[in-house]
């Protein structure tokens, strides 16, 4: 299993979440701040099987807006191995 941590701009949150739901994925959204974008952002926690990682990244890539200015990024993603997943 994999955990995708995706930091996106506030303005892209709703569209990305909508795309993930349409593709059959769920995400937990955390309001976050930091130096990545120096603007309001959100962190999405998305748990998927290893073979689904590229599909999720493609959804994020197609659902984020053009950053507008050179050097700005639309999203920052970290893909982590998950040793154990459990819901209680």
N, C-alpha and C. Protein backbone atom coordinates (compact mmCIF):
# COMPACT_ATOMS: atom_id res chain seq x y z
N UNK A 1 0.84 -1.18 0.00
CA UNK A 1 0.00 0.00 0.00
C UNK A 1 0.88 1.24 0.00
N UNK A 2 0.36 2.32 -0.57
CA UNK A 2 1.08 3.59 -0.66
C UNK A 2 0.23 4.72 -0.06
N UNK A 3 0.92 5.71 0.46
CA UNK A 3 0.27 6.94 0.93
C UNK A 3 0.81 8.08 0.09
N UNK A 4 -0.08 8.78 -0.57
CA UNK A 4 0.30 9.96 -1.34
C UNK A 4 -0.03 11.18 -0.50
N UNK A 5 0.99 11.97 -0.20
CA UNK A 5 0.80 13.27 0.44
C UNK A 5 0.87 14.30 -0.67
N UNK A 6 -0.19 15.02 -0.85
CA UNK A 6 -0.27 15.98 -1.96
C UNK A 6 -0.57 17.36 -1.39
N UNK A 7 0.35 18.28 -1.59
CA UNK A 7 0.16 19.65 -1.14
C UNK A 7 -0.26 20.47 -2.35
N UNK A 8 -1.47 21.05 -2.26
CA UNK A 8 -2.01 21.81 -3.39
C UNK A 8 -2.49 23.18 -2.91
N UNK A 9 -2.66 24.07 -3.84
CA UNK A 9 -3.19 25.40 -3.54
C UNK A 9 -4.66 25.29 -3.13
N UNK A 10 -5.08 26.19 -2.25
CA UNK A 10 -6.49 26.24 -1.84
C UNK A 10 -7.43 26.30 -3.04
N UNK A 11 -7.03 27.05 -4.03
CA UNK A 11 -7.90 27.27 -5.19
C UNK A 11 -8.11 26.01 -6.02
N UNK A 12 -7.25 25.00 -5.87
CA UNK A 12 -7.38 23.76 -6.63
C UNK A 12 -8.05 22.64 -5.83
N UNK A 13 -8.24 22.83 -4.54
CA UNK A 13 -8.73 21.77 -3.67
C UNK A 13 -10.03 21.14 -4.17
N UNK A 14 -11.06 21.93 -4.40
CA UNK A 14 -12.37 21.38 -4.76
C UNK A 14 -12.32 20.59 -6.06
N UNK A 15 -11.62 21.11 -7.05
CA UNK A 15 -11.54 20.44 -8.35
C UNK A 15 -10.77 19.12 -8.24
N UNK A 16 -9.69 19.11 -7.47
CA UNK A 16 -8.91 17.88 -7.30
C UNK A 16 -9.73 16.83 -6.54
N UNK A 17 -10.39 17.24 -5.47
CA UNK A 17 -11.22 16.31 -4.71
C UNK A 17 -12.33 15.74 -5.60
N UNK A 18 -12.97 16.58 -6.38
CA UNK A 18 -14.02 16.13 -7.29
C UNK A 18 -13.46 15.08 -8.27
N UNK A 19 -12.29 15.34 -8.83
CA UNK A 19 -11.68 14.40 -9.76
C UNK A 19 -11.33 13.08 -9.10
N UNK A 20 -10.81 13.13 -7.87
CA UNK A 20 -10.48 11.90 -7.15
C UNK A 20 -11.73 11.07 -6.88
N UNK A 21 -12.81 11.73 -6.44
CA UNK A 21 -14.06 11.01 -6.17
C UNK A 21 -14.61 10.39 -7.44
N UNK A 22 -14.59 11.14 -8.54
CA UNK A 22 -15.08 10.61 -9.81
C UNK A 22 -14.28 9.39 -10.26
N UNK A 23 -12.98 9.36 -9.92
CA UNK A 23 -12.12 8.23 -10.29
C UNK A 23 -12.18 7.10 -9.27
N UNK A 24 -12.96 7.27 -8.20
CA UNK A 24 -13.13 6.21 -7.21
C UNK A 24 -12.16 6.23 -6.06
N UNK A 25 -11.49 7.36 -5.84
CA UNK A 25 -10.53 7.48 -4.74
C UNK A 25 -11.09 8.40 -3.65
N UNK A 26 -10.61 8.19 -2.44
CA UNK A 26 -10.99 9.05 -1.32
C UNK A 26 -9.74 9.71 -0.78
N UNK A 27 -9.93 10.86 -0.15
CA UNK A 27 -8.80 11.59 0.42
C UNK A 27 -9.24 12.28 1.70
N UNK A 28 -8.30 12.44 2.59
CA UNK A 28 -8.50 13.26 3.77
C UNK A 28 -7.81 14.59 3.50
N UNK A 29 -8.51 15.68 3.76
CA UNK A 29 -7.99 17.02 3.48
C UNK A 29 -7.61 17.69 4.80
N UNK A 30 -6.40 18.21 4.84
CA UNK A 30 -5.91 18.96 5.99
C UNK A 30 -5.55 20.37 5.54
N UNK A 31 -6.05 21.37 6.24
CA UNK A 31 -5.60 22.74 5.97
C UNK A 31 -4.14 22.81 6.41
N UNK A 32 -3.30 23.40 5.60
CA UNK A 32 -1.88 23.46 5.94
C UNK A 32 -1.29 24.78 5.49
N UNK A 33 -0.14 25.06 6.03
CA UNK A 33 0.58 26.26 5.62
C UNK A 33 2.06 25.94 5.66
N UNK A 34 2.82 26.72 4.97
CA UNK A 34 4.26 26.48 4.94
C UNK A 34 4.90 27.19 3.78
N UNK A 35 6.12 26.85 3.53
CA UNK A 35 6.91 27.56 2.53
C UNK A 35 6.76 27.00 1.12
N UNK A 36 5.99 25.93 0.94
CA UNK A 36 5.91 25.35 -0.40
C UNK A 36 5.36 26.35 -1.41
N UNK A 37 4.26 26.97 -1.11
CA UNK A 37 3.65 27.89 -2.07
C UNK A 37 3.58 29.32 -1.54
N UNK A 38 3.82 29.52 -0.26
CA UNK A 38 3.71 30.83 0.38
C UNK A 38 2.34 31.46 0.16
N UNK A 39 1.36 30.60 -0.02
CA UNK A 39 -0.05 30.98 -0.12
C UNK A 39 -0.84 29.91 0.59
N UNK A 40 -2.15 30.10 0.70
CA UNK A 40 -2.97 29.09 1.33
C UNK A 40 -2.89 27.77 0.58
N UNK A 41 -2.74 26.70 1.32
CA UNK A 41 -2.71 25.39 0.67
C UNK A 41 -3.39 24.34 1.54
N UNK A 42 -3.56 23.18 0.97
CA UNK A 42 -4.16 22.04 1.63
C UNK A 42 -3.28 20.83 1.39
N UNK A 43 -3.27 19.92 2.35
CA UNK A 43 -2.56 18.66 2.18
C UNK A 43 -3.59 17.56 2.09
N UNK A 44 -3.49 16.77 1.04
CA UNK A 44 -4.38 15.63 0.84
C UNK A 44 -3.63 14.37 1.23
N UNK A 45 -4.27 13.52 2.00
CA UNK A 45 -3.74 12.21 2.34
C UNK A 45 -4.56 11.19 1.56
N UNK A 46 -3.89 10.46 0.66
CA UNK A 46 -4.60 9.54 -0.23
C UNK A 46 -3.93 8.17 -0.11
N UNK A 47 -4.67 7.20 0.40
CA UNK A 47 -4.15 5.84 0.51
C UNK A 47 -4.61 5.01 -0.67
N UNK A 48 -3.65 4.38 -1.36
CA UNK A 48 -3.97 3.57 -2.55
C UNK A 48 -3.06 2.36 -2.62
N UNK A 49 -3.42 1.43 -3.46
CA UNK A 49 -2.54 0.31 -3.78
C UNK A 49 -1.45 0.81 -4.72
N UNK A 50 -0.34 0.13 -4.73
CA UNK A 50 0.80 0.57 -5.53
C UNK A 50 0.50 0.80 -7.00
N UNK A 51 -0.33 -0.06 -7.60
CA UNK A 51 -0.64 0.08 -9.02
C UNK A 51 -1.55 1.27 -9.32
N UNK A 52 -2.10 1.92 -8.30
CA UNK A 52 -3.00 3.05 -8.51
C UNK A 52 -2.30 4.40 -8.41
N UNK A 53 -1.06 4.42 -8.01
CA UNK A 53 -0.34 5.68 -7.77
C UNK A 53 -0.31 6.56 -9.02
N UNK A 54 0.06 6.00 -10.16
CA UNK A 54 0.15 6.81 -11.38
C UNK A 54 -1.20 7.38 -11.78
N UNK A 55 -2.28 6.62 -11.58
CA UNK A 55 -3.62 7.11 -11.92
C UNK A 55 -3.99 8.30 -11.04
N UNK A 56 -3.72 8.20 -9.75
CA UNK A 56 -4.02 9.31 -8.83
C UNK A 56 -3.22 10.55 -9.21
N UNK A 57 -1.95 10.36 -9.51
CA UNK A 57 -1.10 11.50 -9.89
C UNK A 57 -1.63 12.15 -11.17
N UNK A 58 -2.10 11.35 -12.09
CA UNK A 58 -2.66 11.90 -13.33
C UNK A 58 -3.93 12.71 -13.05
N UNK A 59 -4.78 12.23 -12.14
CA UNK A 59 -5.98 12.99 -11.76
C UNK A 59 -5.55 14.34 -11.18
N UNK A 60 -4.59 14.33 -10.30
CA UNK A 60 -4.11 15.58 -9.69
C UNK A 60 -3.53 16.50 -10.76
N UNK A 61 -2.73 15.94 -11.66
CA UNK A 61 -2.10 16.73 -12.72
C UNK A 61 -3.14 17.42 -13.61
N UNK A 62 -4.21 16.69 -13.94
CA UNK A 62 -5.20 17.25 -14.86
C UNK A 62 -6.22 18.16 -14.17
N UNK A 63 -6.33 18.09 -12.84
CA UNK A 63 -7.33 18.87 -12.12
C UNK A 63 -6.76 20.10 -11.41
N UNK A 64 -5.46 20.32 -11.51
CA UNK A 64 -4.89 21.54 -10.93
C UNK A 64 -4.78 22.60 -12.01
N UNK A 65 -4.86 23.84 -11.59
CA UNK A 65 -4.83 24.95 -12.54
C UNK A 65 -3.41 25.29 -12.94
N UNK A 66 -3.30 26.03 -14.02
CA UNK A 66 -2.00 26.53 -14.47
C UNK A 66 -1.49 27.51 -13.41
N UNK A 67 -0.26 27.33 -12.93
CA UNK A 67 0.22 28.21 -11.85
C UNK A 67 0.37 29.66 -12.27
N UNK A 68 0.38 29.95 -13.57
CA UNK A 68 0.39 31.34 -14.02
C UNK A 68 1.76 31.97 -14.09
N UNK A 69 2.56 31.86 -13.08
CA UNK A 69 3.88 32.51 -13.08
C UNK A 69 4.98 31.46 -13.20
N UNK A 70 6.03 31.82 -13.86
CA UNK A 70 7.17 30.92 -14.01
C UNK A 70 7.75 30.58 -12.65
N UNK A 71 8.09 29.32 -12.49
CA UNK A 71 8.69 28.89 -11.23
C UNK A 71 7.71 28.41 -10.19
N UNK A 72 6.42 28.73 -10.34
CA UNK A 72 5.42 28.24 -9.39
C UNK A 72 5.00 26.82 -9.77
N UNK A 73 4.75 26.03 -8.78
CA UNK A 73 4.32 24.64 -9.01
C UNK A 73 2.85 24.49 -8.67
N UNK A 74 2.20 23.54 -9.29
CA UNK A 74 0.79 23.30 -9.05
C UNK A 74 0.57 22.41 -7.85
N UNK A 75 1.47 21.48 -7.61
CA UNK A 75 1.31 20.54 -6.50
C UNK A 75 2.67 19.97 -6.14
N UNK A 76 2.81 19.57 -4.89
CA UNK A 76 3.99 18.84 -4.44
C UNK A 76 3.49 17.51 -3.88
N UNK A 77 4.06 16.42 -4.39
CA UNK A 77 3.59 15.08 -3.99
C UNK A 77 4.72 14.26 -3.40
N UNK A 78 4.37 13.52 -2.37
CA UNK A 78 5.27 12.55 -1.77
C UNK A 78 4.55 11.21 -1.80
N UNK A 79 5.20 10.17 -2.28
CA UNK A 79 4.61 8.83 -2.29
C UNK A 79 5.41 7.99 -1.29
N UNK A 80 4.71 7.52 -0.26
CA UNK A 80 5.35 6.79 0.83
C UNK A 80 4.84 5.36 0.90
N UNK A 81 5.71 4.45 1.30
CA UNK A 81 5.29 3.08 1.56
C UNK A 81 4.54 3.03 2.88
N UNK A 82 3.45 2.28 2.91
CA UNK A 82 2.67 2.10 4.12
C UNK A 82 2.87 0.65 4.58
N UNK A 83 3.43 0.51 5.75
CA UNK A 83 3.68 -0.83 6.27
C UNK A 83 2.41 -1.49 6.76
N UNK A 84 1.52 -0.68 7.34
CA UNK A 84 0.29 -1.24 7.91
C UNK A 84 -0.82 -0.21 7.79
N UNK A 85 -2.01 -0.69 7.47
CA UNK A 85 -3.20 0.15 7.38
C UNK A 85 -4.29 -0.51 8.19
N UNK A 86 -4.93 0.24 9.06
CA UNK A 86 -5.97 -0.33 9.90
C UNK A 86 -6.97 0.76 10.26
N UNK A 87 -8.24 0.44 10.25
CA UNK A 87 -9.28 1.36 10.70
C UNK A 87 -9.92 0.77 11.95
N UNK A 88 -10.06 1.59 12.98
CA UNK A 88 -10.67 1.11 14.23
C UNK A 88 -11.86 1.97 14.60
